[in-house]
Amino acid sequence: MLNFVKGLDDDLRKALLIQLRNLWTHTSTAIEGNTLTLGETAFVLEEGLTISGKPLKDHEEVVGHARAIDLVYDMIENKRPFTEKQLFSLHKAVQTDIIIDVYKPVGGWKKEPNSTVAVVGDKQVVFEYGLPGDIPALMESWFELYRRIDRSLKSNDRQQALMAYVQLHVSFVRIHPFFDGNGRLARLIANVPVLKTGLPPIIIPQQQRKQYIDALSAYHFSAGQIKVGDALLPNQDVLQPFIKFCEQAWEGSIELVEEIRQKQRAR
């Protein structure tokens, strides 16, 4: 069982996990352009029905993301190691579009280069992610970072959990190993060590999408395009704005847990 729900009555444990699932799914998909509100996301996940006038794709995205959360919880509760196979399964869960294109594999590394346009200061820049031919080696380095973090985890250590989230999130996005779905996956898998320490997930508020992207972009611009042999996390002093942002974002899920704990204590 996830430690942050231990000691709760069954109904409160279920209610907390539903609240976190709905919020996590809504915010992470909304950051990528999903149009469903938090209430609509909750309705789709709890009732299994669609919202009139909203794209089918948006419904599939939230169902897929919720399924990915279940996979993460299951992996942690059953103490299975986080491997490339597990990552591919998560990609298949969040990448719900049916795309028949060998250059856009679902559950496999990207085949074509990808990049993004960002504004750093007052200047527009094009940031290129890891090249397709470099992805297997870069992701092996990423998994080495994950395993190193995993071996050092301490129960309920908030600072350690925060740094683990930031390091895994930033380095994964910098590599960008898939043709699509990288942001949603980063926000999922960077939470694995957070959950393992017994703490609730860090959930990025959709309302702070710009601050989130700005903080990531500033770091990526400073670090530059990653290639095989490069350090995953250079210029770590530039990470401070993103660390602070994530720490503040975390308060949302921590407050949800405390509200449920208060109900438990009142019984």
Protein backbone atom coordinates (compact mmCIF):
# COMPACT_ATOMS: atom_id res chain seq x y z
CA MET A 1 0.00 0.00 0.00
CA LEU A 2 1.15 3.56 -0.71
CA ASN A 3 2.38 4.97 2.59
CA PHE A 4 0.54 8.28 2.39
CA VAL A 5 -2.81 6.42 2.58
CA LYS A 6 -1.84 4.11 5.42
CA GLY A 7 -4.01 4.36 8.53
CA LEU A 8 -6.99 5.69 6.61
CA ASP A 9 -10.38 3.99 6.63
CA ASP A 10 -11.20 2.31 3.33
CA ASP A 11 -13.67 4.98 2.22
CA LEU A 12 -11.27 7.84 2.96
CA ARG A 13 -8.36 6.03 1.31
CA LYS A 14 -10.45 5.52 -1.82
CA ALA A 15 -11.64 9.14 -1.79
CA LEU A 16 -8.08 10.46 -1.51
CA LEU A 17 -6.78 8.29 -4.34
CA ILE A 18 -9.70 9.38 -6.54
CA GLN A 19 -9.05 13.05 -5.80
CA LEU A 20 -5.36 12.73 -6.60
CA ARG A 21 -6.05 10.71 -9.74
CA ASN A 22 -8.56 13.25 -11.03
CA LEU A 23 -6.36 16.26 -10.27
CA TRP A 24 -3.17 14.67 -11.60
CA THR A 25 -4.88 13.51 -14.78
CA HIS A 26 -6.66 16.80 -15.40
CA THR A 27 -3.64 19.03 -14.87
CA SER A 28 -1.15 16.93 -16.81
CA THR A 29 -3.40 16.51 -19.84
CA ALA A 30 -4.59 20.15 -19.71
CA ILE A 31 -0.98 21.35 -19.83
CA GLU A 32 -0.77 19.56 -23.19
CA GLY A 33 -4.00 21.15 -24.48
CA ASN A 34 -6.77 18.85 -23.25
CA THR A 35 -10.03 20.85 -23.00
CA LEU A 36 -11.80 18.87 -20.25
CA THR A 37 -12.24 20.70 -16.95
CA LEU A 38 -11.46 19.07 -13.61
CA GLY A 39 -15.15 18.34 -13.10
CA GLU A 40 -15.50 16.88 -16.59
CA THR A 41 -12.36 14.78 -16.10
CA ALA A 42 -13.76 13.40 -12.84
CA PHE A 43 -17.11 12.65 -14.53
CA VAL A 44 -15.48 10.78 -17.41
CA LEU A 45 -13.29 8.71 -15.09
CA GLU A 46 -15.95 7.94 -12.51
CA GLU A 47 -19.00 7.48 -14.74
CA GLY A 48 -17.36 6.21 -17.92
CA LEU A 49 -19.46 8.63 -19.99
CA THR A 50 -18.50 11.30 -22.51
CA ILE A 51 -19.04 15.06 -22.35
CA SER A 52 -21.20 16.46 -25.15
CA GLY A 53 -19.30 18.70 -27.53
CA LYS A 54 -15.84 17.69 -26.33
CA PRO A 55 -13.38 15.83 -28.62
CA LEU A 56 -13.20 12.05 -28.30
CA LYS A 57 -9.39 12.42 -28.15
CA ASP A 58 -9.67 14.41 -24.92
CA HIS A 59 -11.75 11.68 -23.30
CA GLU A 60 -9.28 9.01 -24.38
CA GLU A 61 -6.35 11.03 -23.04
CA VAL A 62 -7.74 11.30 -19.53
CA VAL A 63 -8.69 7.62 -19.42
CA GLY A 64 -5.21 6.72 -20.66
CA HIS A 65 -3.51 8.94 -18.10
CA ALA A 66 -5.57 7.50 -15.26
CA ARG A 67 -4.61 4.03 -16.45
CA ALA A 68 -0.94 5.06 -16.39
CA ILE A 69 -1.32 6.23 -12.76
CA ASP A 70 -2.72 2.80 -11.90
CA LEU A 71 0.30 1.18 -13.57
CA VAL A 72 2.68 3.35 -11.53
CA TYR A 73 0.87 2.50 -8.28
CA ASP A 74 0.84 -1.19 -9.15
CA MET A 75 4.57 -1.18 -9.92
CA ILE A 76 5.36 0.44 -6.57
CA GLU A 77 2.99 -1.67 -4.48
CA ASN A 78 4.28 -4.90 -6.01
CA LYS A 79 7.90 -3.74 -5.75
CA ARG A 80 8.64 -4.30 -9.42
CA PRO A 81 11.77 -2.60 -10.79
CA PHE A 82 11.22 0.36 -13.11
CA THR A 83 12.61 -0.74 -16.47
CA GLU A 84 12.44 0.15 -20.13
CA LYS A 85 9.58 -2.33 -20.49
CA GLN A 86 7.60 -0.53 -17.78
CA LEU A 87 8.29 2.83 -19.43
CA PHE A 88 7.05 1.55 -22.79
CA SER A 89 3.86 0.31 -21.12
CA LEU A 90 3.28 3.77 -19.65
CA HIS A 91 3.84 5.35 -23.06
CA LYS A 92 1.23 3.04 -24.57
CA ALA A 93 -1.21 4.07 -21.83
CA VAL A 94 -0.85 7.85 -22.27
CA GLN A 95 -0.44 7.83 -26.05
CA THR A 96 -4.03 6.99 -26.94
CA ASP A 97 -4.15 8.33 -30.52
CA ILE A 98 -4.30 5.54 -33.08
CA ILE A 99 -1.37 6.40 -35.33
CA ILE A 100 -0.28 4.03 -38.07
CA ASP A 101 3.13 5.45 -38.82
CA VAL A 102 6.44 3.63 -38.43
CA TYR A 103 8.09 6.96 -37.69
CA LYS A 104 5.80 7.55 -34.70
CA PRO A 105 6.12 4.36 -32.64
CA VAL A 106 3.98 3.92 -29.53
CA GLY A 107 5.90 2.04 -26.88
CA GLY A 108 9.21 2.57 -28.68
CA TRP A 109 11.87 5.25 -29.04
CA LYS A 110 11.34 8.06 -31.52
CA LYS A 111 12.57 7.67 -35.10
CA GLU A 112 12.74 11.34 -36.08
CA PRO A 113 14.27 14.43 -34.43
CA ASN A 114 12.00 16.69 -32.40
CA SER A 115 12.35 20.21 -31.07
CA THR A 116 10.35 23.03 -29.52
CA VAL A 117 10.19 26.81 -29.75
CA ALA A 118 10.61 28.61 -26.43
CA VAL A 119 10.98 32.19 -25.28
CA VAL A 120 14.01 32.75 -23.04
CA GLY A 121 14.17 36.31 -21.81
CA ASP A 122 12.87 38.30 -24.76
CA LYS A 123 14.31 35.99 -27.39
CA GLN A 124 12.64 33.15 -29.24
CA VAL A 125 14.84 30.07 -29.46
CA VAL A 126 14.52 26.62 -31.00
CA PHE A 127 15.57 23.93 -28.58
CA GLU A 128 16.46 20.53 -30.05
CA TYR A 129 16.08 17.39 -27.98
CA GLY A 130 18.26 14.27 -28.08
CA LEU A 131 18.80 12.82 -31.55
CA PRO A 132 17.02 9.54 -32.38
CA GLY A 133 20.25 7.58 -32.78
CA ASP A 134 21.39 8.71 -29.31
CA ILE A 135 18.19 7.80 -27.45
CA PRO A 136 19.03 4.19 -26.38
CA ALA A 137 22.33 5.27 -24.82
CA LEU A 138 20.89 8.44 -23.31
CA MET A 139 18.01 6.53 -21.75
CA GLU A 140 20.38 3.96 -20.32
CA SER A 141 22.12 6.87 -18.60
CA TRP A 142 18.73 8.13 -17.43
CA PHE A 143 17.86 4.72 -15.96
CA GLU A 144 21.25 4.68 -14.22
CA LEU A 145 20.33 8.03 -12.64
CA TYR A 146 16.95 6.60 -11.61
CA ARG A 147 18.53 3.50 -10.04
CA ARG A 148 21.07 5.63 -8.17
CA ILE A 149 18.29 7.78 -6.76
CA ASP A 150 16.17 4.72 -5.97
CA ARG A 151 18.95 3.10 -3.94
CA SER A 152 19.33 6.18 -1.74
CA LEU A 153 15.67 6.89 -0.96
CA LYS A 154 14.72 7.61 2.64
CA SER A 155 11.19 7.41 4.01
CA ASN A 156 9.32 10.74 4.14
CA ASP A 157 12.38 12.79 3.20
CA ARG A 158 10.69 15.70 1.43
CA GLN A 159 13.86 17.42 0.25
CA GLN A 160 15.28 14.23 -1.21
CA ALA A 161 11.97 13.41 -2.90
CA LEU A 162 11.75 16.92 -4.37
CA MET A 163 15.27 16.75 -5.79
CA ALA A 164 14.61 13.27 -7.22
CA TYR A 165 11.50 14.59 -8.97
CA VAL A 166 13.32 17.61 -10.41
CA GLN A 167 16.35 15.66 -11.62
CA LEU A 168 14.36 12.88 -13.28
CA HIS A 169 11.81 15.28 -14.77
CA VAL A 170 14.31 17.73 -16.26
CA SER A 171 16.67 15.10 -17.65
CA PHE A 172 13.84 13.08 -19.19
CA VAL A 173 12.35 16.11 -20.92
CA ARG A 174 15.81 17.15 -22.13
CA ILE A 175 16.23 13.75 -23.80
CA HIS A 176 12.62 13.61 -25.11
CA PRO A 177 12.85 9.92 -26.08
CA PHE A 178 9.38 9.59 -27.64
CA PHE A 179 7.77 11.28 -30.61
CA ASP A 180 4.94 12.47 -28.34
CA GLY A 181 3.75 12.13 -24.75
CA ASN A 182 7.08 13.11 -23.16
CA GLY A 183 5.64 15.79 -20.86
CA ARG A 184 2.90 13.58 -19.46
CA LEU A 185 5.39 10.76 -18.95
CA ALA A 186 7.93 13.04 -17.25
CA ARG A 187 5.28 14.21 -14.77
CA LEU A 188 4.37 10.56 -14.09
CA ILE A 189 7.72 8.81 -13.80
CA ALA A 190 9.50 11.58 -11.91
CA ASN A 191 6.94 10.91 -9.18
CA VAL A 192 7.97 7.26 -8.75
CA PRO A 193 10.65 8.05 -6.13
CA VAL A 194 8.33 10.60 -4.51
CA LEU A 195 5.67 7.92 -4.03
CA LYS A 196 8.28 5.42 -2.88
CA THR A 197 9.32 7.71 -0.04
CA GLY A 198 5.72 7.57 1.17
CA LEU A 199 4.71 11.04 -0.02
CA PRO A 200 1.89 12.13 -2.37
CA PRO A 201 2.74 13.03 -5.99
CA ILE A 202 3.93 16.43 -7.11
CA ILE A 203 1.18 17.74 -9.37
CA ILE A 204 1.89 20.71 -11.64
CA PRO A 205 -1.10 23.12 -11.64
CA GLN A 206 -2.53 23.69 -15.08
CA GLN A 207 -3.06 27.36 -14.19
CA GLN A 208 0.71 27.75 -13.85
CA ARG A 209 1.51 26.21 -17.21
CA LYS A 210 3.48 29.26 -18.38
CA GLN A 211 5.65 29.42 -15.25
CA TYR A 212 6.30 25.70 -15.56
CA ILE A 213 7.34 25.91 -19.22
CA ASP A 214 9.41 29.06 -18.63
CA ALA A 215 11.37 27.41 -15.81
CA LEU A 216 12.02 24.28 -17.87
CA SER A 217 12.95 26.29 -20.97
CA ALA A 218 15.44 28.45 -19.08
CA TYR A 219 17.26 25.37 -17.85
CA HIS A 220 17.22 23.56 -21.19
CA PHE A 221 18.52 26.63 -23.01
CA SER A 222 21.37 26.87 -20.50
CA ALA A 223 22.19 23.13 -20.73
CA GLY A 224 21.97 22.89 -24.52
CA GLN A 225 21.09 19.90 -26.69
CA ILE A 226 22.11 16.63 -25.09
CA LYS A 227 24.30 14.09 -26.87
CA VAL A 228 25.75 10.73 -25.93
CA GLY A 229 28.44 11.17 -23.27
CA ASP A 230 27.09 14.50 -22.02
CA ALA A 231 26.14 14.99 -18.38
CA LEU A 232 22.40 14.61 -17.90
CA LEU A 233 22.21 17.56 -15.49
CA PRO A 234 24.82 20.24 -16.19
CA ASN A 235 24.50 23.80 -14.86
CA GLN A 236 22.53 22.69 -11.82
CA ASP A 237 22.57 26.20 -10.34
CA VAL A 238 20.12 27.16 -13.12
CA LEU A 239 17.68 24.55 -11.74
CA GLN A 240 16.79 26.65 -8.69
CA PRO A 241 13.70 28.35 -10.22
CA PHE A 242 12.33 24.97 -11.29
CA ILE A 243 13.05 23.44 -7.87
CA LYS A 244 11.19 26.28 -6.17
CA PHE A 245 8.30 26.01 -8.62
CA CYS A 246 7.91 22.26 -8.02
CA GLU A 247 8.11 22.70 -4.25
CA GLN A 248 5.26 25.20 -4.35
CA ALA A 249 3.23 23.04 -6.74
CA TRP A 250 3.55 20.10 -4.34
CA GLU A 251 1.48 21.91 -1.70
CA GLY A 252 -1.72 21.10 -3.61
CA SER A 253 -1.52 17.33 -3.16
CA ILE A 254 -0.06 17.65 0.35
CA GLU A 255 -3.11 19.72 1.33
CA LEU A 256 -5.45 17.06 -0.09
CA VAL A 257 -3.78 14.43 2.07
CA GLU A 258 -3.99 16.63 5.18
CA GLU A 259 -7.70 17.32 4.59
CA ILE A 260 -8.39 13.58 4.50
CA ARG A 261 -6.18 13.03 7.56
CA GLN A 262 -8.24 15.62 9.44
CA LYS A 263 -11.43 13.74 8.57
CA GLN A 264 -9.83 10.54 9.81
CA ARG A 265 -8.81 12.15 13.11
CA ALA A 266 -12.34 13.51 13.60
CA ARG A 267 -13.86 10.02 13.49
